[in-house]
Amino acid sequence: EFAAWVSGHTHVDRVAVVEGTLCTSIMSDWNHQSASLTFER
């Protein structure tokens, strides 16, 4: 079994399923304040 493809790049938390594969991305580990964030860094 394969649980997830984990990535960064987008600098936001995101999830998608591509060809049956769960793809998750995470925000960056630095004080990056994107307009799409619902909280303050």
All heavy atoms as atom14 arrays in JSON, in Angstrom:
{
  "sequence": "EFAAWVSGHTHVDRVAVVEGTLCTSIMSDWNHQSASLTFER",
  "atom14_mask": [
    [1, 1, 1, 1, 1, 1, 1, 1, 1, 0, 0, 0, 0, 0],
    [1, 1, 1, 1, 1, 1, 1, 1, 1, 1, 1, 0, 0, 0],
    [1, 1, 1, 1, 1, 0, 0, 0, 0, 0, 0, 0, 0, 0],
    [1, 1, 1, 1, 1, 0, 0, 0, 0, 0, 0, 0, 0, 0],
    [1, 1, 1, 1, 1, 1, 1, 1, 1, 1, 1, 1, 1, 1],
    [1, 1, 1, 1, 1, 1, 1, 0, 0, 0, 0, 0, 0, 0],
    [1, 1, 1, 1, 1, 1, 0, 0, 0, 0, 0, 0, 0, 0],
    [1, 1, 1, 1, 0, 0, 0, 0, 0, 0, 0, 0, 0, 0],
    [1, 1, 1, 1, 1, 1, 1, 1, 1, 1, 0, 0, 0, 0],
    [1, 1, 1, 1, 1, 1, 1, 0, 0, 0, 0, 0, 0, 0],
    [1, 1, 1, 1, 1, 1, 1, 1, 1, 1, 0, 0, 0, 0],
    [1, 1, 1, 1, 1, 1, 1, 0, 0, 0, 0, 0, 0, 0],
    [1, 1, 1, 1, 1, 1, 1, 1, 0, 0, 0, 0, 0, 0],
    [1, 1, 1, 1, 1, 1, 1, 1, 1, 1, 1, 0, 0, 0],
    [1, 1, 1, 1, 1, 1, 1, 0, 0, 0, 0, 0, 0, 0],
    [1, 1, 1, 1, 1, 0, 0, 0, 0, 0, 0, 0, 0, 0],
    [1, 1, 1, 1, 1, 1, 1, 0, 0, 0, 0, 0, 0, 0],
    [1, 1, 1, 1, 1, 1, 1, 0, 0, 0, 0, 0, 0, 0],
    [1, 1, 1, 1, 1, 1, 1, 1, 1, 0, 0, 0, 0, 0],
    [1, 1, 1, 1, 0, 0, 0, 0, 0, 0, 0, 0, 0, 0],
    [1, 1, 1, 1, 1, 1, 1, 0, 0, 0, 0, 0, 0, 0],
    [1, 1, 1, 1, 1, 1, 1, 1, 0, 0, 0, 0, 0, 0],
    [1, 1, 1, 1, 1, 1, 0, 0, 0, 0, 0, 0, 0, 0],
    [1, 1, 1, 1, 1, 1, 1, 0, 0, 0, 0, 0, 0, 0],
    [1, 1, 1, 1, 1, 1, 0, 0, 0, 0, 0, 0, 0, 0],
    [1, 1, 1, 1, 1, 1, 1, 1, 0, 0, 0, 0, 0, 0],
    [1, 1, 1, 1, 1, 1, 1, 1, 0, 0, 0, 0, 0, 0],
    [1, 1, 1, 1, 1, 1, 0, 0, 0, 0, 0, 0, 0, 0],
    [1, 1, 1, 1, 1, 1, 1, 1, 0, 0, 0, 0, 0, 0],
    [1, 1, 1, 1, 1, 1, 1, 1, 1, 1, 1, 1, 1, 1],
    [1, 1, 1, 1, 1, 1, 1, 1, 0, 0, 0, 0, 0, 0],
    [1, 1, 1, 1, 1, 1, 1, 1, 1, 1, 0, 0, 0, 0],
    [1, 1, 1, 1, 1, 1, 1, 1, 1, 0, 0, 0, 0, 0],
    [1, 1, 1, 1, 1, 1, 0, 0, 0, 0, 0, 0, 0, 0],
    [1, 1, 1, 1, 1, 0, 0, 0, 0, 0, 0, 0, 0, 0],
    [1, 1, 1, 1, 1, 1, 0, 0, 0, 0, 0, 0, 0, 0],
    [1, 1, 1, 1, 1, 1, 1, 1, 0, 0, 0, 0, 0, 0],
    [1, 1, 1, 1, 1, 1, 1, 0, 0, 0, 0, 0, 0, 0],
    [1, 1, 1, 1, 1, 1, 1, 1, 1, 1, 1, 0, 0, 0],
    [1, 1, 1, 1, 1, 1, 1, 1, 1, 0, 0, 0, 0, 0],
    [1, 1, 1, 1, 1, 1, 1, 1, 1, 1, 1, 0, 0, 0]
  ],
  "atom14_positions": [
    [[0.83, -1.19, 0.0], [0.0, 0.0, 0.0], [0.87, 1.25, 0.0], [1.99, 1.24, 0.5], [-0.92, 0.0, 1.21], [-1.92, -1.14, 1.14], [-2.94, -1.11, 2.24], [-2.78, -0.36, 3.22], [-3.93, -1.84, 2.11], [0.0, 0.0, 0.0], [0.0, 0.0, 0.0], [0.0, 0.0, 0.0], [0.0, 0.0, 0.0], [0.0, 0.0, 0.0]],
    [[0.33, 2.31, -0.55], [1.01, 3.59, -0.61], [0.06, 4.62, -0.03], [-1.04, 4.81, -0.55], [1.38, 3.93, -2.06], [2.19, 5.18, -2.19], [3.57, 5.13, -2.09], [1.57, 6.4, -2.4], [4.33, 6.28, -2.2], [2.32, 7.57, -2.51], [3.71, 7.5, -2.41], [0.0, 0.0, 0.0], [0.0, 0.0, 0.0], [0.0, 0.0, 0.0]],
    [[0.47, 5.3, 1.04], [-0.45, 6.2, 1.75], [-0.56, 7.57, 1.11], [-1.67, 8.05, 0.88], [-0.02, 6.35, 3.21], [0.0, 0.0, 0.0], [0.0, 0.0, 0.0], [0.0, 0.0, 0.0], [0.0, 0.0, 0.0], [0.0, 0.0, 0.0], [0.0, 0.0, 0.0], [0.0, 0.0, 0.0], [0.0, 0.0, 0.0], [0.0, 0.0, 0.0]],
    [[0.57, 8.24, 0.81], [0.46, 9.62, 0.32], [1.75, 10.09, -0.33], [2.84, 9.68, 0.04], [0.12, 10.56, 1.47], [0.0, 0.0, 0.0], [0.0, 0.0, 0.0], [0.0, 0.0, 0.0], [0.0, 0.0, 0.0], [0.0, 0.0, 0.0], [0.0, 0.0, 0.0], [0.0, 0.0, 0.0], [0.0, 0.0, 0.0], [0.0, 0.0, 0.0]],
    [[1.58, 10.98, -1.29], [2.68, 11.71, -1.9], [2.72, 13.05, -1.17], [1.77, 13.82, -1.22], [2.4, 11.89, -3.38], [3.4, 12.66, -4.17], [4.32, 13.56, -3.72], [3.59, 12.59, -5.58], [5.06, 14.06, -4.77], [4.63, 13.47, -5.92], [2.97, 11.87, -6.59], [5.06, 13.66, -7.24], [3.4, 12.06, -7.89], [4.44, 12.93, -8.21]],
    [[3.8, 13.33, -0.47], [3.92, 14.54, 0.34], [4.87, 15.51, -0.33], [5.95, 15.13, -0.77], [4.43, 14.19, 1.76], [4.54, 15.44, 2.62], [3.53, 13.15, 2.41], [0.0, 0.0, 0.0], [0.0, 0.0, 0.0], [0.0, 0.0, 0.0], [0.0, 0.0, 0.0], [0.0, 0.0, 0.0], [0.0, 0.0, 0.0], [0.0, 0.0, 0.0]],
    [[4.46, 16.78, -0.42], [5.29, 17.78, -1.07], [5.15, 19.13, -0.36], [4.39, 19.27, 0.58], [4.88, 17.94, -2.54], [3.57, 18.47, -2.64], [0.0, 0.0, 0.0], [0.0, 0.0, 0.0], [0.0, 0.0, 0.0], [0.0, 0.0, 0.0], [0.0, 0.0, 0.0], [0.0, 0.0, 0.0], [0.0, 0.0, 0.0], [0.0, 0.0, 0.0]],
    [[5.87, 20.09, -0.86], [5.83, 21.45, -0.34], [5.49, 22.4, -1.47], [4.4, 22.36, -2.02], [0.0, 0.0, 0.0], [0.0, 0.0, 0.0], [0.0, 0.0, 0.0], [0.0, 0.0, 0.0], [0.0, 0.0, 0.0], [0.0, 0.0, 0.0], [0.0, 0.0, 0.0], [0.0, 0.0, 0.0], [0.0, 0.0, 0.0], [0.0, 0.0, 0.0]],
    [[6.41, 23.2, -1.9], [6.37, 24.09, -3.05], [5.27, 25.15, -3.01], [5.53, 26.32, -3.2], [6.29, 23.31, -4.37], [6.36, 24.2, -5.57], [7.52, 24.85, -5.93], [5.42, 24.57, -6.47], [7.3, 25.58, -7.01], [6.05, 25.44, -7.35], [0.0, 0.0, 0.0], [0.0, 0.0, 0.0], [0.0, 0.0, 0.0], [0.0, 0.0, 0.0]],
    [[4.04, 24.73, -2.77], [2.91, 25.68, -2.82], [2.91, 26.63, -1.63], [2.29, 27.68, -1.68], [1.58, 24.93, -2.84], [1.48, 24.14, -1.65], [1.46, 24.04, -4.06], [0.0, 0.0, 0.0], [0.0, 0.0, 0.0], [0.0, 0.0, 0.0], [0.0, 0.0, 0.0], [0.0, 0.0, 0.0], [0.0, 0.0, 0.0], [0.0, 0.0, 0.0]],
    [[3.56, 26.24, -0.55], [3.61, 27.01, 0.69], [2.24, 27.16, 1.34], [2.02, 28.06, 2.13], [4.26, 28.38, 0.49], [5.7, 28.31, 0.11], [6.57, 29.34, 0.32], [6.43, 27.33, -0.46], [7.77, 29.0, -0.12], [7.71, 27.79, -0.6], [0.0, 0.0, 0.0], [0.0, 0.0, 0.0], [0.0, 0.0, 0.0], [0.0, 0.0, 0.0]],
    [[1.32, 26.28, 0.99], [0.0, 26.23, 1.64], [-0.36, 24.77, 1.88], [0.16, 23.88, 1.22], [-1.12, 26.9, 0.79], [-0.86, 28.38, 0.62], [-1.27, 26.23, -0.56], [0.0, 0.0, 0.0], [0.0, 0.0, 0.0], [0.0, 0.0, 0.0], [0.0, 0.0, 0.0], [0.0, 0.0, 0.0], [0.0, 0.0, 0.0], [0.0, 0.0, 0.0]],
    [[-1.26, 24.54, 2.83], [-1.78, 23.2, 3.07], [-2.8, 22.91, 1.97], [-3.73, 23.68, 1.75], [-2.46, 23.12, 4.44], [-1.47, 23.28, 5.58], [-0.29, 22.96, 5.39], [-1.9, 23.71, 6.66], [0.0, 0.0, 0.0], [0.0, 0.0, 0.0], [0.0, 0.0, 0.0], [0.0, 0.0, 0.0], [0.0, 0.0, 0.0], [0.0, 0.0, 0.0]],
    [[-2.59, 21.81, 1.28], [-3.48, 21.45, 0.18], [-3.55, 19.93, 0.09], [-2.59, 19.24, 0.38], [-2.93, 22.02, -1.13], [-3.82, 21.74, -2.33], [-3.23, 22.28, -3.61], [-3.16, 23.73, -3.55], [-2.39, 24.45, -4.34], [-1.62, 23.89, -5.23], [-2.37, 25.78, -4.25], [0.0, 0.0, 0.0], [0.0, 0.0, 0.0], [0.0, 0.0, 0.0]],
    [[-4.68, 19.43, -0.37], [-4.83, 18.0, -0.59], [-5.57, 17.79, -1.9], [-6.47, 18.54, -2.26], [-5.58, 17.31, 0.59], [-6.98, 17.85, 0.73], [-5.58, 15.81, 0.42], [0.0, 0.0, 0.0], [0.0, 0.0, 0.0], [0.0, 0.0, 0.0], [0.0, 0.0, 0.0], [0.0, 0.0, 0.0], [0.0, 0.0, 0.0], [0.0, 0.0, 0.0]],
    [[-5.14, 16.78, -2.63], [-5.79, 16.4, -3.88], [-5.56, 14.91, -4.09], [-4.61, 14.34, -3.55], [-5.22, 17.19, -5.06], [0.0, 0.0, 0.0], [0.0, 0.0, 0.0], [0.0, 0.0, 0.0], [0.0, 0.0, 0.0], [0.0, 0.0, 0.0], [0.0, 0.0, 0.0], [0.0, 0.0, 0.0], [0.0, 0.0, 0.0], [0.0, 0.0, 0.0]],
    [[-6.41, 14.29, -4.89], [-6.2, 12.91, -5.28], [-5.94, 12.92, -6.77], [-6.75, 13.42, -7.56], [-7.43, 12.03, -4.93], [-7.22, 10.61, -5.44], [-7.67, 12.03, -3.43], [0.0, 0.0, 0.0], [0.0, 0.0, 0.0], [0.0, 0.0, 0.0], [0.0, 0.0, 0.0], [0.0, 0.0, 0.0], [0.0, 0.0, 0.0], [0.0, 0.0, 0.0]],
    [[-4.77, 12.42, -7.17], [-4.36, 12.38, -8.57], [-4.17, 10.93, -8.97], [-3.33, 10.23, -8.4], [-3.06, 13.19, -8.79], [-2.63, 13.12, -10.24], [-3.24, 14.63, -8.36], [0.0, 0.0, 0.0], [0.0, 0.0, 0.0], [0.0, 0.0, 0.0], [0.0, 0.0, 0.0], [0.0, 0.0, 0.0], [0.0, 0.0, 0.0], [0.0, 0.0, 0.0]],
    [[-4.97, 10.47, -9.92], [-4.92, 9.09, -10.39], [-4.94, 8.09, -9.23], [-4.17, 7.13, -9.19], [-3.69, 8.86, -11.27], [-3.72, 9.66, -12.56], [-2.53, 9.38, -13.46], [-1.91, 8.3, -13.35], [-2.22, 10.25, -14.29], [0.0, 0.0, 0.0], [0.0, 0.0, 0.0], [0.0, 0.0, 0.0], [0.0, 0.0, 0.0], [0.0, 0.0, 0.0]],
    [[-5.81, 8.35, -8.26], [-5.97, 7.46, -7.12], [-4.93, 7.63, -6.03], [-4.97, 6.92, -5.03], [0.0, 0.0, 0.0], [0.0, 0.0, 0.0], [0.0, 0.0, 0.0], [0.0, 0.0, 0.0], [0.0, 0.0, 0.0], [0.0, 0.0, 0.0], [0.0, 0.0, 0.0], [0.0, 0.0, 0.0], [0.0, 0.0, 0.0], [0.0, 0.0, 0.0]],
    [[-4.01, 8.56, -6.19], [-2.95, 8.79, -5.2], [-3.24, 10.05, -4.41], [-3.42, 11.12, -4.99], [-1.57, 8.9, -5.89], [-1.28, 7.67, -6.53], [-0.48, 9.22, -4.89], [0.0, 0.0, 0.0], [0.0, 0.0, 0.0], [0.0, 0.0, 0.0], [0.0, 0.0, 0.0], [0.0, 0.0, 0.0], [0.0, 0.0, 0.0], [0.0, 0.0, 0.0]],
    [[-3.29, 9.92, -3.08], [-3.47, 11.07, -2.2], [-2.21, 11.92, -2.25], [-1.11, 11.42, -2.01], [-3.72, 10.59, -0.77], [-3.83, 11.66, 0.3], [-5.07, 12.53, 0.07], [-3.85, 11.03, 1.68], [0.0, 0.0, 0.0], [0.0, 0.0, 0.0], [0.0, 0.0, 0.0], [0.0, 0.0, 0.0], [0.0, 0.0, 0.0], [0.0, 0.0, 0.0]],
    [[-2.36, 13.2, -2.59], [-1.23, 14.14, -2.66], [-1.49, 15.24, -1.64], [-2.5, 15.93, -1.71], [-1.11, 14.76, -4.04], [-0.79, 13.57, -5.35], [0.0, 0.0, 0.0], [0.0, 0.0, 0.0], [0.0, 0.0, 0.0], [0.0, 0.0, 0.0], [0.0, 0.0, 0.0], [0.0, 0.0, 0.0], [0.0, 0.0, 0.0], [0.0, 0.0, 0.0]],
    [[-0.57, 15.4, -0.69], [-0.7, 16.46, 0.3], [0.49, 17.4, 0.18], [1.6, 16.97, -0.08], [-0.77, 15.92, 1.75], [0.47, 15.32, 2.09], [-1.9, 14.93, 1.91], [0.0, 0.0, 0.0], [0.0, 0.0, 0.0], [0.0, 0.0, 0.0], [0.0, 0.0, 0.0], [0.0, 0.0, 0.0], [0.0, 0.0, 0.0], [0.0, 0.0, 0.0]],
    [[0.23, 18.67, 0.34], [1.33, 19.64, 0.41], [1.17, 20.41, 1.71], [0.07, 20.51, 2.25], [1.32, 20.59, -0.79], [0.15, 21.38, -0.79], [0.0, 0.0, 0.0], [0.0, 0.0, 0.0], [0.0, 0.0, 0.0], [0.0, 0.0, 0.0], [0.0, 0.0, 0.0], [0.0, 0.0, 0.0], [0.0, 0.0, 0.0], [0.0, 0.0, 0.0]],
    [[2.29, 20.92, 2.21], [2.24, 21.66, 3.46], [2.82, 23.05, 3.26], [3.63, 23.27, 2.36], [2.95, 20.93, 4.61], [4.46, 20.89, 4.4], [2.42, 19.53, 4.76], [5.22, 20.45, 5.62], [0.0, 0.0, 0.0], [0.0, 0.0, 0.0], [0.0, 0.0, 0.0], [0.0, 0.0, 0.0], [0.0, 0.0, 0.0], [0.0, 0.0, 0.0]],
    [[2.4, 23.94, 4.12], [2.94, 25.3, 4.06], [4.41, 25.27, 4.45], [4.88, 24.3, 5.04], [2.16, 26.22, 4.98], [2.39, 25.96, 6.45], [1.61, 27.16, 7.5], [-0.09, 26.77, 7.27], [0.0, 0.0, 0.0], [0.0, 0.0, 0.0], [0.0, 0.0, 0.0], [0.0, 0.0, 0.0], [0.0, 0.0, 0.0], [0.0, 0.0, 0.0]],
    [[5.1, 26.3, 4.14], [6.54, 26.35, 4.44], [6.79, 26.63, 5.91], [5.94, 27.19, 6.6], [7.21, 27.42, 3.58], [6.69, 28.69, 3.89], [0.0, 0.0, 0.0], [0.0, 0.0, 0.0], [0.0, 0.0, 0.0], [0.0, 0.0, 0.0], [0.0, 0.0, 0.0], [0.0, 0.0, 0.0], [0.0, 0.0, 0.0], [0.0, 0.0, 0.0]],
    [[7.96, 26.22, 6.36], [8.36, 26.42, 7.75], [9.12, 27.73, 7.9], [10.28, 27.77, 8.28], [9.22, 25.25, 8.23], [9.54, 25.36, 9.71], [8.66, 25.79, 10.47], [10.67, 25.03, 10.1], [0.0, 0.0, 0.0], [0.0, 0.0, 0.0], [0.0, 0.0, 0.0], [0.0, 0.0, 0.0], [0.0, 0.0, 0.0], [0.0, 0.0, 0.0]],
    [[8.48, 28.81, 7.49], [9.01, 30.15, 7.72], [7.84, 31.1, 7.75], [6.73, 30.74, 7.39], [10.06, 30.55, 6.67], [9.54, 30.72, 5.28], [9.13, 29.72, 4.44], [9.34, 31.92, 4.57], [8.71, 30.23, 3.24], [8.83, 31.59, 3.29], [9.57, 33.27, 4.86], [8.54, 32.55, 2.33], [9.27, 34.21, 3.9], [8.77, 33.85, 2.65]],
    [[8.04, 32.27, 8.2], [6.95, 33.21, 8.43], [6.43, 33.78, 7.11], [6.63, 34.94, 6.79], [7.41, 34.32, 9.37], [6.25, 35.15, 9.85], [5.11, 34.78, 9.68], [6.54, 36.28, 10.45], [0.0, 0.0, 0.0], [0.0, 0.0, 0.0], [0.0, 0.0, 0.0], [0.0, 0.0, 0.0], [0.0, 0.0, 0.0], [0.0, 0.0, 0.0]],
    [[5.75, 32.96, 6.36], [5.18, 33.34, 5.07], [3.68, 33.54, 5.26], [2.98, 32.61, 5.59], [5.45, 32.23, 4.05], [4.77, 32.44, 2.74], [5.21, 33.35, 1.82], [3.69, 31.83, 2.18], [4.42, 33.31, 0.76], [3.5, 32.4, 0.96], [0.0, 0.0, 0.0], [0.0, 0.0, 0.0], [0.0, 0.0, 0.0], [0.0, 0.0, 0.0]],
    [[3.21, 34.76, 5.08], [1.79, 35.06, 5.28], [1.11, 35.16, 3.92], [1.23, 36.15, 3.23], [1.6, 36.36, 6.07], [0.18, 36.64, 6.47], [-0.35, 35.63, 7.48], [0.32, 35.27, 8.43], [-1.56, 35.15, 7.26], [0.0, 0.0, 0.0], [0.0, 0.0, 0.0], [0.0, 0.0, 0.0], [0.0, 0.0, 0.0], [0.0, 0.0, 0.0]],
    [[0.43, 34.11, 3.54], [-0.3, 34.08, 2.29], [-1.71, 34.63, 2.51], [-2.27, 34.5, 3.59], [-0.37, 32.64, 1.77], [-1.3, 32.52, 0.74], [0.0, 0.0, 0.0], [0.0, 0.0, 0.0], [0.0, 0.0, 0.0], [0.0, 0.0, 0.0], [0.0, 0.0, 0.0], [0.0, 0.0, 0.0], [0.0, 0.0, 0.0], [0.0, 0.0, 0.0]],
    [[-2.28, 35.18, 1.46], [-3.65, 35.71, 1.55], [-4.65, 34.6, 1.83], [-5.72, 34.85, 2.38], [-4.0, 36.43, 0.26], [0.0, 0.0, 0.0], [0.0, 0.0, 0.0], [0.0, 0.0, 0.0], [0.0, 0.0, 0.0], [0.0, 0.0, 0.0], [0.0, 0.0, 0.0], [0.0, 0.0, 0.0], [0.0, 0.0, 0.0], [0.0, 0.0, 0.0]],
    [[-4.32, 33.35, 1.48], [-5.25, 32.25, 1.67], [-5.22, 31.68, 3.09], [-6.05, 30.85, 3.43], [-4.95, 31.13, 0.66], [-3.67, 30.58, 0.92], [0.0, 0.0, 0.0], [0.0, 0.0, 0.0], [0.0, 0.0, 0.0], [0.0, 0.0, 0.0], [0.0, 0.0, 0.0], [0.0, 0.0, 0.0], [0.0, 0.0, 0.0], [0.0, 0.0, 0.0]],
    [[-4.26, 32.11, 3.92], [-4.19, 31.59, 5.29], [-5.27, 32.23, 6.15], [-5.54, 33.42, 6.05], [-2.82, 31.88, 5.91], [-1.63, 31.17, 5.26], [-0.34, 31.55, 5.98], [-1.82, 29.67, 5.26], [0.0, 0.0, 0.0], [0.0, 0.0, 0.0], [0.0, 0.0, 0.0], [0.0, 0.0, 0.0], [0.0, 0.0, 0.0], [0.0, 0.0, 0.0]],
    [[-5.89, 31.43, 7.0], [-6.96, 31.92, 7.87], [-6.46, 32.23, 9.27], [-7.24, 32.42, 10.18], [-8.09, 30.88, 7.95], [-7.54, 29.65, 8.45], [-8.73, 30.66, 6.59], [0.0, 0.0, 0.0], [0.0, 0.0, 0.0], [0.0, 0.0, 0.0], [0.0, 0.0, 0.0], [0.0, 0.0, 0.0], [0.0, 0.0, 0.0], [0.0, 0.0, 0.0]],
    [[-5.14, 32.25, 9.44], [-4.56, 32.54, 10.74], [-3.3, 33.38, 10.53], [-2.77, 33.46, 9.44], [-4.22, 31.25, 11.5], [-3.48, 30.26, 10.66], [-2.1, 30.35, 10.52], [-4.15, 29.27, 9.97], [-1.4, 29.46, 9.73], [-3.46, 28.38, 9.16], [-2.09, 28.48, 9.06], [0.0, 0.0, 0.0], [0.0, 0.0, 0.0], [0.0, 0.0, 0.0]],
    [[-2.85, 33.99, 11.59], [-1.69, 34.88, 11.54], [-0.42, 34.11, 11.89], [-0.41, 33.35, 12.85], [-1.9, 36.02, 12.54], [-1.02, 37.22, 12.32], [-1.3, 37.97, 11.04], [-2.46, 38.02, 10.59], [-0.34, 38.52, 10.48], [0.0, 0.0, 0.0], [0.0, 0.0, 0.0], [0.0, 0.0, 0.0], [0.0, 0.0, 0.0], [0.0, 0.0, 0.0]],
    [[0.64, 34.3, 11.12], [1.95, 33.74, 11.45], [2.76, 34.84, 12.12], [2.85, 35.94, 11.6], [2.62, 33.22, 10.2], [1.76, 32.11, 9.59], [2.44, 31.26, 8.63], [3.49, 30.45, 9.22], [4.22, 29.62, 8.51], [4.02, 29.49, 7.24], [5.18, 28.92, 9.09], [0.0, 0.0, 0.0], [0.0, 0.0, 0.0], [0.0, 0.0, 0.0]]
  ]
}
